[in-house]
Amino acid sequence: MADHDFIIPADLARAARALTQVSYTLVAKVAELQPERVRAYEHGLGTLDAAESQRLREALEHFGAVFIAEDEESGYGVRQKYNSVKTQRLETWEGEGGPAYEDDI
């Protein structure tokens, strides 16, 4: 998303987290927020300032969310960074490595 000042509405934050299948605890950790604040925000029971919203957006983007800003034709939204084929390939590559050991080279 080009607009880096985009403040994520609570419903979009919750949708992005559900789409990326990440717990609110993990998103909060990456965003350096209290898990209870993230959960409350998602449920419309709390607010975040601009810096906190920015960190939350960056954390969700880290987990693969791509935010779409509202324009004249449609509303805001979220989608996955990778399509299902690429995601499956990434999961396969990660699973093929076996245990990591030190190189003797």
PDB file of N, CA and C in Angstrom:
ATOM      1  N   MET A   1       0.841  -1.180   0.000  1.00  0.00           N
ATOM      2  CA  MET A   1       0.000   0.000   0.000  1.00  0.00           C
ATOM      3  C   MET A   1       0.877   1.230   0.000  1.00  0.00           C
ATOM      4  N   ALA A   2       0.590   2.152  -0.855  1.00  0.00           N
ATOM      5  CA  ALA A   2       1.417   3.339  -1.014  1.00  0.00           C
ATOM      6  C   ALA A   2       1.240   4.338   0.122  1.00  0.00           C
ATOM      7  N   ASP A   3       0.067   4.396   0.708  1.00  0.00           N
ATOM      8  CA  ASP A   3      -0.235   5.377   1.746  1.00  0.00           C
ATOM      9  C   ASP A   3       0.274   4.878   3.091  1.00  0.00           C
ATOM     10  N   HIS A   4       1.429   5.376   3.539  1.00  0.00           N
ATOM     11  CA  HIS A   4       2.015   4.912   4.786  1.00  0.00           C
ATOM     12  C   HIS A   4       1.368   5.561   6.006  1.00  0.00           C
ATOM     13  N   ASP A   5       0.486   6.535   5.807  1.00  0.00           N
ATOM     14  CA  ASP A   5      -0.224   7.162   6.915  1.00  0.00           C
ATOM     15  C   ASP A   5      -1.579   6.515   7.149  1.00  0.00           C
ATOM     16  N   PHE A   6      -1.870   5.471   6.407  1.00  0.00           N
ATOM     17  CA  PHE A   6      -3.147   4.773   6.493  1.00  0.00           C
ATOM     18  C   PHE A   6      -3.316   4.172   7.881  1.00  0.00           C
ATOM     19  N   ILE A   7      -4.331   4.628   8.597  1.00  0.00           N
ATOM     20  CA  ILE A   7      -4.632   4.091   9.919  1.00  0.00           C
ATOM     21  C   ILE A   7      -5.589   2.932   9.727  1.00  0.00           C
ATOM     22  N   ILE A   8      -5.213   1.780  10.227  1.00  0.00           N
ATOM     23  CA  ILE A   8      -6.024   0.586  10.030  1.00  0.00           C
ATOM     24  C   ILE A   8      -7.257   0.648  10.924  1.00  0.00           C
ATOM     25  N   PRO A   9      -8.444   0.621  10.332  1.00  0.00           N
ATOM     26  CA  PRO A   9      -9.657   0.527  11.146  1.00  0.00           C
ATOM     27  C   PRO A   9      -9.684  -0.816  11.883  1.00  0.00           C
ATOM     28  N   ALA A  10     -10.378  -0.866  12.984  1.00  0.00           N
ATOM     29  CA  ALA A  10     -10.410  -2.067  13.818  1.00  0.00           C
ATOM     30  C   ALA A  10     -10.884  -3.298  13.050  1.00  0.00           C
ATOM     31  N   ASP A  11     -11.927  -3.138  12.236  1.00  0.00           N
ATOM     32  CA  ASP A  11     -12.438  -4.303  11.505  1.00  0.00           C
ATOM     33  C   ASP A  11     -11.432  -4.827  10.485  1.00  0.00           C
ATOM     34  N   LEU A  12     -10.653  -3.932   9.896  1.00  0.00           N
ATOM     35  CA  LEU A  12      -9.643  -4.339   8.922  1.00  0.00           C
ATOM     36  C   LEU A  12      -8.463  -5.022   9.611  1.00  0.00           C
ATOM     37  N   ALA A  13      -8.093  -4.543  10.781  1.00  0.00           N
ATOM     38  CA  ALA A  13      -7.023  -5.184  11.548  1.00  0.00           C
ATOM     39  C   ALA A  13      -7.410  -6.612  11.906  1.00  0.00           C
ATOM     40  N   ARG A  14      -8.631  -6.777  12.339  1.00  0.00           N
ATOM     41  CA  ARG A  14      -9.102  -8.116  12.703  1.00  0.00           C
ATOM     42  C   ARG A  14      -9.171  -9.023  11.477  1.00  0.00           C
ATOM     43  N   ALA A  15      -9.631  -8.495  10.352  1.00  0.00           N
ATOM     44  CA  ALA A  15      -9.708  -9.267   9.116  1.00  0.00           C
ATOM     45  C   ALA A  15      -8.308  -9.671   8.640  1.00  0.00           C
ATOM     46  N   ALA A  16      -7.350  -8.752   8.727  1.00  0.00           N
ATOM     47  CA  ALA A  16      -5.981  -9.045   8.295  1.00  0.00           C
ATOM     48  C   ALA A  16      -5.364 -10.135   9.160  1.00  0.00           C
ATOM     49  N   ARG A  17      -5.601 -10.064  10.437  1.00  0.00           N
ATOM     50  CA  ARG A  17      -5.041 -11.073  11.336  1.00  0.00           C
ATOM     51  C   ARG A  17      -5.672 -12.431  11.070  1.00  0.00           C
ATOM     52  N   ALA A  18      -6.976 -12.464  10.822  1.00  0.00           N
ATOM     53  CA  ALA A  18      -7.651 -13.723  10.504  1.00  0.00           C
ATOM     54  C   ALA A  18      -7.146 -14.285   9.173  1.00  0.00           C
ATOM     55  N   LEU A  19      -6.965 -13.421   8.208  1.00  0.00           N
ATOM     56  CA  LEU A  19      -6.502 -13.849   6.890  1.00  0.00           C
ATOM     57  C   LEU A  19      -5.097 -14.439   6.956  1.00  0.00           C
ATOM     58  N   THR A  20      -4.240 -13.838   7.742  1.00  0.00           N
ATOM     59  CA  THR A  20      -2.867 -14.328   7.858  1.00  0.00           C
ATOM     60  C   THR A  20      -2.737 -15.475   8.861  1.00  0.00           C
ATOM     61  N   GLN A  21      -3.799 -15.752   9.591  1.00  0.00           N
ATOM     62  CA  GLN A  21      -3.860 -16.861  10.547  1.00  0.00           C
ATOM     63  C   GLN A  21      -2.771 -16.751  11.629  1.00  0.00           C
ATOM     64  N   VAL A  22      -2.669 -15.561  12.193  1.00  0.00           N
ATOM     65  CA  VAL A  22      -1.703 -15.292  13.244  1.00  0.00           C
ATOM     66  C   VAL A  22      -2.458 -14.862  14.497  1.00  0.00           C
ATOM     67  N   SER A  23      -2.007 -15.310  15.647  1.00  0.00           N
ATOM     68  CA  SER A  23      -2.678 -14.961  16.898  1.00  0.00           C
ATOM     69  C   SER A  23      -2.470 -13.479  17.219  1.00  0.00           C
ATOM     70  N   TYR A  24      -3.407 -12.915  17.960  1.00  0.00           N
ATOM     71  CA  TYR A  24      -3.268 -11.513  18.334  1.00  0.00           C
ATOM     72  C   TYR A  24      -2.070 -11.337  19.263  1.00  0.00           C
ATOM     73  N   THR A  25      -1.704 -12.382  20.010  1.00  0.00           N
ATOM     74  CA  THR A  25      -0.544 -12.320  20.894  1.00  0.00           C
ATOM     75  C   THR A  25       0.741 -12.155  20.085  1.00  0.00           C
ATOM     76  N   LEU A  26       0.882 -12.911  18.997  1.00  0.00           N
ATOM     77  CA  LEU A  26       2.071 -12.818  18.165  1.00  0.00           C
ATOM     78  C   LEU A  26       2.126 -11.489  17.414  1.00  0.00           C
ATOM     79  N   VAL A  27       1.001 -11.043  16.891  1.00  0.00           N
ATOM     80  CA  VAL A  27       0.961  -9.747  16.214  1.00  0.00           C
ATOM     81  C   VAL A  27       1.333  -8.639  17.194  1.00  0.00           C
ATOM     82  N   ALA A  28       0.815  -8.706  18.401  1.00  0.00           N
ATOM     83  CA  ALA A  28       1.118  -7.701  19.421  1.00  0.00           C
ATOM     84  C   ALA A  28       2.607  -7.691  19.749  1.00  0.00           C
ATOM     85  N   LYS A  29       3.205  -8.865  19.847  1.00  0.00           N
ATOM     86  CA  LYS A  29       4.635  -8.956  20.150  1.00  0.00           C
ATOM     87  C   LYS A  29       5.457  -8.277  19.063  1.00  0.00           C
ATOM     88  N   VAL A  30       5.164  -8.573  17.799  1.00  0.00           N
ATOM     89  CA  VAL A  30       5.903  -7.975  16.688  1.00  0.00           C
ATOM     90  C   VAL A  30       5.659  -6.466  16.632  1.00  0.00           C
ATOM     91  N   ALA A  31       4.443  -6.036  16.946  1.00  0.00           N
ATOM     92  CA  ALA A  31       4.099  -4.607  16.919  1.00  0.00           C
ATOM     93  C   ALA A  31       4.520  -3.869  18.185  1.00  0.00           C
ATOM     94  N   GLU A  32       5.072  -4.599  19.145  1.00  0.00           N
ATOM     95  CA  GLU A  32       5.471  -4.027  20.426  1.00  0.00           C
ATOM     96  C   GLU A  32       4.302  -3.353  21.135  1.00  0.00           C
ATOM     97  N   LEU A  33       3.182  -4.079  21.173  1.00  0.00           N
ATOM     98  CA  LEU A  33       1.974  -3.628  21.867  1.00  0.00           C
ATOM     99  C   LEU A  33       1.556  -4.700  22.861  1.00  0.00           C
ATOM    100  N   GLN A  34       0.757  -4.322  23.825  1.00  0.00           N
ATOM    101  CA  GLN A  34       0.201  -5.296  24.756  1.00  0.00           C
ATOM    102  C   GLN A  34      -0.870  -6.107  24.035  1.00  0.00           C
ATOM    103  N   PRO A  35      -0.866  -7.430  24.174  1.00  0.00           N
ATOM    104  CA  PRO A  35      -1.880  -8.248  23.499  1.00  0.00           C
ATOM    105  C   PRO A  35      -3.312  -7.810  23.803  1.00  0.00           C
ATOM    106  N   GLU A  36      -3.562  -7.399  25.034  1.00  0.00           N
ATOM    107  CA  GLU A  36      -4.908  -6.970  25.418  1.00  0.00           C
ATOM    108  C   GLU A  36      -5.337  -5.729  24.636  1.00  0.00           C
ATOM    109  N   ARG A  37      -4.383  -4.848  24.323  1.00  0.00           N
ATOM    110  CA  ARG A  37      -4.708  -3.636  23.554  1.00  0.00           C
ATOM    111  C   ARG A  37      -5.079  -3.979  22.126  1.00  0.00           C
ATOM    112  N   VAL A  38      -4.346  -4.940  21.531  1.00  0.00           N
ATOM    113  CA  VAL A  38      -4.659  -5.354  20.164  1.00  0.00           C
ATOM    114  C   VAL A  38      -6.039  -5.987  20.127  1.00  0.00           C
ATOM    115  N   ARG A  39      -6.304  -6.859  21.068  1.00  0.00           N
ATOM    116  CA  ARG A  39      -7.607  -7.536  21.111  1.00  0.00           C
ATOM    117  C   ARG A  39      -8.733  -6.537  21.330  1.00  0.00           C
ATOM    118  N   ALA A  40      -8.538  -5.626  22.258  1.00  0.00           N
ATOM    119  CA  ALA A  40      -9.569  -4.610  22.523  1.00  0.00           C
ATOM    120  C   ALA A  40      -9.790  -3.738  21.292  1.00  0.00           C
ATOM    121  N   TYR A  41      -8.718  -3.349  20.613  1.00  0.00           N
ATOM    122  CA  TYR A  41      -8.839  -2.530  19.418  1.00  0.00           C
ATOM    123  C   TYR A  41      -9.641  -3.253  18.344  1.00  0.00           C
ATOM    124  N   GLU A  42      -9.308  -4.526  18.108  1.00  0.00           N
ATOM    125  CA  GLU A  42     -10.015  -5.303  17.097  1.00  0.00           C
ATOM    126  C   GLU A  42     -11.507  -5.411  17.380  1.00  0.00           C
ATOM    127  N   HIS A  43     -11.870  -5.401  18.649  1.00  0.00           N
ATOM    128  CA  HIS A  43     -13.275  -5.519  19.032  1.00  0.00           C
ATOM    129  C   HIS A  43     -13.951  -4.165  19.226  1.00  0.00           C
ATOM    130  N   GLY A  44     -13.257  -3.089  18.867  1.00  0.00           N
ATOM    131  CA  GLY A  44     -13.837  -1.758  18.963  1.00  0.00           C
ATOM    132  C   GLY A  44     -13.920  -1.232  20.372  1.00  0.00           C
ATOM    133  N   LEU A  45     -13.119  -1.790  21.278  1.00  0.00           N
ATOM    134  CA  LEU A  45     -13.173  -1.387  22.677  1.00  0.00           C
ATOM    135  C   LEU A  45     -11.985  -0.537  23.104  1.00  0.00           C
ATOM    136  N   GLY A  46     -11.136  -0.176  22.157  1.00  0.00           N
ATOM    137  CA  GLY A  46      -9.961   0.619  22.474  1.00  0.00           C
ATOM    138  C   GLY A  46      -9.504   1.382  21.249  1.00  0.00           C
ATOM    139  N   THR A  47      -8.523   2.244  21.454  1.00  0.00           N
ATOM    140  CA  THR A  47      -7.974   3.029  20.353  1.00  0.00           C
ATOM    141  C   THR A  47      -6.454   2.868  20.324  1.00  0.00           C
ATOM    142  N   LEU A  48      -5.883   3.191  19.191  1.00  0.00           N
ATOM    143  CA  LEU A  48      -4.432   3.223  19.037  1.00  0.00           C
ATOM    144  C   LEU A  48      -4.053   4.592  18.497  1.00  0.00           C
ATOM    145  N   ASP A  49      -2.918   5.119  18.952  1.00  0.00           N
ATOM    146  CA  ASP A  49      -2.463   6.380  18.363  1.00  0.00           C
ATOM    147  C   ASP A  49      -1.815   6.080  17.020  1.00  0.00           C
ATOM    148  N   ALA A  50      -1.377   7.107  16.311  1.00  0.00           N
ATOM    149  CA  ALA A  50      -0.841   6.941  14.958  1.00  0.00           C
ATOM    150  C   ALA A  50       0.390   6.038  14.929  1.00  0.00           C
ATOM    151  N   ALA A  51       1.280   6.188  15.901  1.00  0.00           N
ATOM    152  CA  ALA A  51       2.497   5.366  15.935  1.00  0.00           C
ATOM    153  C   ALA A  51       2.155   3.897  16.206  1.00  0.00           C
ATOM    154  N   GLU A  52       1.224   3.667  17.117  1.00  0.00           N
ATOM    155  CA  GLU A  52       0.813   2.284  17.415  1.00  0.00           C
ATOM    156  C   GLU A  52       0.125   1.650  16.215  1.00  0.00           C
ATOM    157  N   SER A  53      -0.713   2.414  15.544  1.00  0.00           N
ATOM    158  CA  SER A  53      -1.389   1.914  14.355  1.00  0.00           C
ATOM    159  C   SER A  53      -0.382   1.571  13.263  1.00  0.00           C
ATOM    160  N   GLN A  54       0.636   2.404  13.121  1.00  0.00           N
ATOM    161  CA  GLN A  54       1.694   2.153  12.144  1.00  0.00           C
ATOM    162  C   GLN A  54       2.417   0.845  12.460  1.00  0.00           C
ATOM    163  N   ARG A  55       2.744   0.628  13.727  1.00  0.00           N
ATOM    164  CA  ARG A  55       3.436  -0.611  14.125  1.00  0.00           C
ATOM    165  C   ARG A  55       2.542  -1.824  13.914  1.00  0.00           C
ATOM    166  N   LEU A  56       1.256  -1.678  14.194  1.00  0.00           N
ATOM    167  CA  LEU A  56       0.319  -2.776  13.980  1.00  0.00           C
ATOM    168  C   LEU A  56       0.231  -3.111  12.495  1.00  0.00           C
ATOM    169  N   ARG A  57       0.141  -2.094  11.662  1.00  0.00           N
ATOM    170  CA  ARG A  57       0.081  -2.312  10.215  1.00  0.00           C
ATOM    171  C   ARG A  57       1.343  -3.014   9.726  1.00  0.00           C
ATOM    172  N   GLU A  58       2.500  -2.556  10.171  1.00  0.00           N
ATOM    173  CA  GLU A  58       3.762  -3.168   9.764  1.00  0.00           C
ATOM    174  C   GLU A  58       3.863  -4.616  10.230  1.00  0.00           C
ATOM    175  N   ALA A  59       3.370  -4.901  11.420  1.00  0.00           N
ATOM    176  CA  ALA A  59       3.391  -6.282  11.922  1.00  0.00           C
ATOM    177  C   ALA A  59       2.505  -7.177  11.070  1.00  0.00           C
ATOM    178  N   LEU A  60       1.314  -6.706  10.741  1.00  0.00           N
ATOM    179  CA  LEU A  60       0.411  -7.501   9.908  1.00  0.00           C
ATOM    180  C   LEU A  60       0.982  -7.686   8.501  1.00  0.00           C
ATOM    181  N   GLU A  61       1.640  -6.664   7.981  1.00  0.00           N
ATOM    182  CA  GLU A  61       2.291  -6.789   6.680  1.00  0.00           C
ATOM    183  C   GLU A  61       3.440  -7.790   6.741  1.00  0.00           C
ATOM    184  N   HIS A  62       4.126  -7.825   7.861  1.00  0.00           N
ATOM    185  CA  HIS A  62       5.201  -8.796   8.062  1.00  0.00           C
ATOM    186  C   HIS A  62       4.681 -10.230   7.912  1.00  0.00           C
ATOM    187  N   PHE A  63       3.465 -10.455   8.347  1.00  0.00           N
ATOM    188  CA  PHE A  63       2.863 -11.789   8.265  1.00  0.00           C
ATOM    189  C   PHE A  63       2.130 -12.038   6.951  1.00  0.00           C
ATOM    190  N   GLY A  64       2.211 -11.097   6.011  1.00  0.00           N
ATOM    191  CA  GLY A  64       1.682 -11.331   4.672  1.00  0.00           C
ATOM    192  C   GLY A  64       0.410 -10.611   4.302  1.00  0.00           C
ATOM    193  N   ALA A  65      -0.035  -9.673   5.110  1.00  0.00           N
ATOM    194  CA  ALA A  65      -1.230  -8.898   4.761  1.00  0.00           C
ATOM    195  C   ALA A  65      -0.843  -7.743   3.847  1.00  0.00           C
ATOM    196  N   VAL A  66      -1.664  -7.487   2.846  1.00  0.00           N
ATOM    197  CA  VAL A  66      -1.481  -6.338   1.956  1.00  0.00           C
ATOM    198  C   VAL A  66      -2.750  -5.505   2.075  1.00  0.00           C
ATOM    199  N   PHE A  67      -2.596  -4.255   2.482  1.00  0.00           N
ATOM    200  CA  PHE A  67      -3.749  -3.396   2.692  1.00  0.00           C
ATOM    201  C   PHE A  67      -4.063  -2.598   1.436  1.00  0.00           C
ATOM    202  N   ILE A  68      -5.341  -2.447   1.185  1.00  0.00           N
ATOM    203  CA  ILE A  68      -5.833  -1.723   0.023  1.00  0.00           C
ATOM    204  C   ILE A  68      -6.608  -0.518   0.543  1.00  0.00           C
ATOM    205  N   ALA A  69      -6.162   0.651   0.158  1.00  0.00           N
ATOM    206  CA  ALA A  69      -6.809   1.877   0.633  1.00  0.00           C
ATOM    207  C   ALA A  69      -8.133   2.112  -0.087  1.00  0.00           C
ATOM    208  N   GLU A  70      -9.010   2.823   0.564  1.00  0.00           N
ATOM    209  CA  GLU A  70     -10.288   3.216  -0.032  1.00  0.00           C
ATOM    210  C   GLU A  70     -10.023   4.214  -1.155  1.00  0.00           C
ATOM    211  N   ASP A  71     -10.785   4.110  -2.220  1.00  0.00           N
ATOM    212  CA  ASP A  71     -10.689   5.086  -3.304  1.00  0.00           C
ATOM    213  C   ASP A  71     -12.094   5.468  -3.756  1.00  0.00           C
ATOM    214  N   GLU A  72     -12.196   6.171  -4.884  1.00  0.00           N
ATOM    215  CA  GLU A  72     -13.497   6.631  -5.372  1.00  0.00           C
ATOM    216  C   GLU A  72     -14.415   5.483  -5.797  1.00  0.00           C
ATOM    217  N   GLU A  73     -13.820   4.353  -6.154  1.00  0.00           N
ATOM    218  CA  GLU A  73     -14.600   3.241  -6.687  1.00  0.00           C
ATOM    219  C   GLU A  73     -14.946   2.156  -5.674  1.00  0.00           C
ATOM    220  N   SER A  74     -14.112   1.983  -4.653  1.00  0.00           N
ATOM    221  CA  SER A  74     -14.372   0.892  -3.707  1.00  0.00           C
ATOM    222  C   SER A  74     -13.818   1.222  -2.332  1.00  0.00           C
ATOM    223  N   GLY A  75     -14.228   0.423  -1.383  1.00  0.00           N
ATOM    224  CA  GLY A  75     -13.799   0.608  -0.006  1.00  0.00           C
ATOM    225  C   GLY A  75     -12.443  -0.016   0.264  1.00  0.00           C
ATOM    226  N   TYR A  76     -11.972   0.150   1.506  1.00  0.00           N
ATOM    227  CA  TYR A  76     -10.689  -0.410   1.894  1.00  0.00           C
ATOM    228  C   TYR A  76     -10.793  -1.922   2.026  1.00  0.00           C
ATOM    229  N   GLY A  77      -9.620  -2.567   2.059  1.00  0.00           N
ATOM    230  CA  GLY A  77      -9.616  -4.016   2.177  1.00  0.00           C
ATOM    231  C   GLY A  77      -8.245  -4.552   2.498  1.00  0.00           C
ATOM    232  N   VAL A  78      -8.172  -5.876   2.521  1.00  0.00           N
ATOM    233  CA  VAL A  78      -6.924  -6.566   2.804  1.00  0.00           C
ATOM    234  C   VAL A  78      -6.895  -7.844   1.972  1.00  0.00           C
ATOM    235  N   ARG A  79      -5.709  -8.227   1.549  1.00  0.00           N
ATOM    236  CA  ARG A  79      -5.551  -9.508   0.859  1.00  0.00           C
ATOM    237  C   ARG A  79      -4.204 -10.082   1.233  1.00  0.00           C
ATOM    238  N   GLN A  80      -3.959 -11.332   0.820  1.00  0.00           N
ATOM    239  CA  GLN A  80      -2.703 -11.987   1.127  1.00  0.00           C
ATOM    240  C   GLN A  80      -1.626 -11.555   0.144  1.00  0.00           C
ATOM    241  N   LYS A  81      -0.401 -11.476   0.632  1.00  0.00           N
ATOM    242  CA  LYS A  81       0.721 -11.069  -0.195  1.00  0.00           C
ATOM    243  C   LYS A  81       1.015 -12.111  -1.262  1.00  0.00           C
ATOM    244  N   TYR A  82       0.899 -13.378  -0.895  1.00  0.00           N
ATOM    245  CA  TYR A  82       1.213 -14.460  -1.817  1.00  0.00           C
ATOM    246  C   TYR A  82      -0.050 -15.200  -2.199  1.00  0.00           C
ATOM    247  N   ASN A  83      -0.139 -15.625  -3.455  1.00  0.00           N
ATOM    248  CA  ASN A  83      -1.286 -16.427  -3.853  1.00  0.00           C
ATOM    249  C   ASN A  83      -1.119 -17.846  -3.308  1.00  0.00           C
ATOM    250  N   SER A  84      -2.133 -18.681  -3.436  1.00  0.00           N
ATOM    251  CA  SER A  84      -2.113 -20.006  -2.813  1.00  0.00           C
ATOM    252  C   SER A  84      -1.019 -20.899  -3.379  1.00  0.00           C
ATOM    253  N   VAL A  85      -0.701 -20.773  -4.667  1.00  0.00           N
ATOM    254  CA  VAL A  85       0.347 -21.608  -5.259  1.00  0.00           C
ATOM    255  C   VAL A  85       1.706 -21.235  -4.675  1.00  0.00           C
ATOM    256  N   LYS A  86       1.986 -19.945  -4.580  1.00  0.00           N
ATOM    257  CA  LYS A  86       3.263 -19.501  -4.038  1.00  0.00           C
ATOM    258  C   LYS A  86       3.369 -19.859  -2.555  1.00  0.00           C
ATOM    259  N   THR A  87       2.288 -19.739  -1.819  1.00  0.00           N
ATOM    260  CA  THR A  87       2.298 -20.089  -0.406  1.00  0.00           C
ATOM    261  C   THR A  87       2.607 -21.570  -0.233  1.00  0.00           C
ATOM    262  N   GLN A  88       1.995 -22.413  -1.045  1.00  0.00           N
ATOM    263  CA  GLN A  88       2.248 -23.845  -0.964  1.00  0.00           C
ATOM    264  C   GLN A  88       3.717 -24.146  -1.275  1.00  0.00           C
ATOM    265  N   ARG A  89       4.285 -23.482  -2.275  1.00  0.00           N
ATOM    266  CA  ARG A  89       5.692 -23.673  -2.614  1.00  0.00           C
ATOM    267  C   ARG A  89       6.603 -23.245  -1.474  1.00  0.00           C
ATOM    268  N   LEU A  90       6.304 -22.117  -0.852  1.00  0.00           N
ATOM    269  CA  LEU A  90       7.109 -21.646   0.271  1.00  0.00           C
ATOM    270  C   LEU A  90       7.067 -22.639   1.430  1.00  0.00           C
ATOM    271  N   GLU A  91       5.884 -23.169   1.718  1.00  0.00           N
ATOM    272  CA  GLU A  91       5.758 -24.149   2.799  1.00  0.00           C
ATOM    273  C   GLU A  91       6.537 -25.415   2.474  1.00  0.00           C
ATOM    274  N   THR A  92       6.532 -25.833   1.221  1.00  0.00           N
ATOM    275  CA  THR A  92       7.281 -27.023   0.807  1.00  0.00           C
ATOM    276  C   THR A  92       8.777 -26.780   0.962  1.00  0.00           C
ATOM    277  N   TRP A  93       9.246 -25.627   0.491  1.00  0.00           N
ATOM    278  CA  TRP A  93      10.674 -25.309   0.614  1.00  0.00           C
ATOM    279  C   TRP A  93      11.115 -25.292   2.069  1.00  0.00           C
ATOM    280  N   GLU A  94      10.299 -24.719   2.939  1.00  0.00           N
ATOM    281  CA  GLU A  94      10.660 -24.651   4.348  1.00  0.00           C
ATOM    282  C   GLU A  94      10.704 -26.028   4.980  1.00  0.00           C
ATOM    283  N   GLY A  95       9.857 -26.950   4.503  1.00  0.00           N
ATOM    284  CA  GLY A  95       9.805 -28.291   5.073  1.00  0.00           C
ATOM    285  C   GLY A  95      10.850 -29.252   4.531  1.00  0.00           C
ATOM    286  N   GLU A  96      11.507 -28.897   3.430  1.00  0.00           N
ATOM    287  CA  GLU A  96      12.467 -29.801   2.808  1.00  0.00           C
ATOM    288  C   GLU A  96      13.861 -29.706   3.394  1.00  0.00           C
ATOM    289  N   GLY A  97      14.141 -28.712   4.158  1.00  0.00           N
ATOM    290  CA  GLY A  97      15.510 -28.469   4.616  1.00  0.00           C
ATOM    291  C   GLY A  97      16.042 -29.469   5.622  1.00  0.00           C
ATOM    292  N   GLY A  98      15.198 -30.125   6.363  1.00  0.00           N
ATOM    293  CA  GLY A  98      15.694 -31.007   7.414  1.00  0.00           C
ATOM    294  C   GLY A  98      16.274 -30.192   8.552  1.00  0.00           C
ATOM    295  N   PRO A  99      16.881 -30.883   9.525  1.00  0.00           N
ATOM    296  CA  PRO A  99      17.438 -30.166  10.657  1.00  0.00           C
ATOM    297  C   PRO A  99      18.651 -29.322  10.249  1.00  0.00           C
ATOM    298  N   ALA A 100      18.787 -28.182  10.865  1.00  0.00           N
ATOM    299  CA  ALA A 100      19.905 -27.295  10.541  1.00  0.00           C
ATOM    300  C   ALA A 100      21.122 -27.696  11.360  1.00  0.00           C
ATOM    301  N   TYR A 101      22.268 -27.802  10.705  1.00  0.00           N
ATOM    302  CA  TYR A 101      23.541 -28.114  11.366  1.00  0.00           C
ATOM    303  C   TYR A 101      24.583 -27.105  10.936  1.00  0.00           C
ATOM    304  N   GLU A 102      25.656 -27.025  11.712  1.00  0.00           N
ATOM    305  CA  GLU A 102      26.742 -26.138  11.350  1.00  0.00           C
ATOM    306  C   GLU A 102      27.451 -26.681  10.115  1.00  0.00           C
ATOM    307  N   ASP A 103      27.874 -25.791   9.238  1.00  0.00           N
ATOM    308  CA  ASP A 103      28.630 -26.189   8.051  1.00  0.00           C
ATOM    309  C   ASP A 103      30.074 -26.468   8.443  1.00  0.00           C
ATOM    310  N   ASP A 104      30.642 -27.501   7.834  1.00  0.00           N
ATOM    311  CA  ASP A 104      32.037 -27.829   8.046  1.00  0.00           C
ATOM    312  C   ASP A 104      32.951 -27.162   7.034  1.00  0.00           C
ATOM    313  N   ILE A 105      32.380 -26.273   6.239  1.00  0.00           N
ATOM    314  CA  ILE A 105      33.152 -25.646   5.165  1.00  0.00           C
ATOM    315  C   ILE A 105      33.973 -24.508   5.696  1.00  0.00           C
TER     316      ILE A 105
END
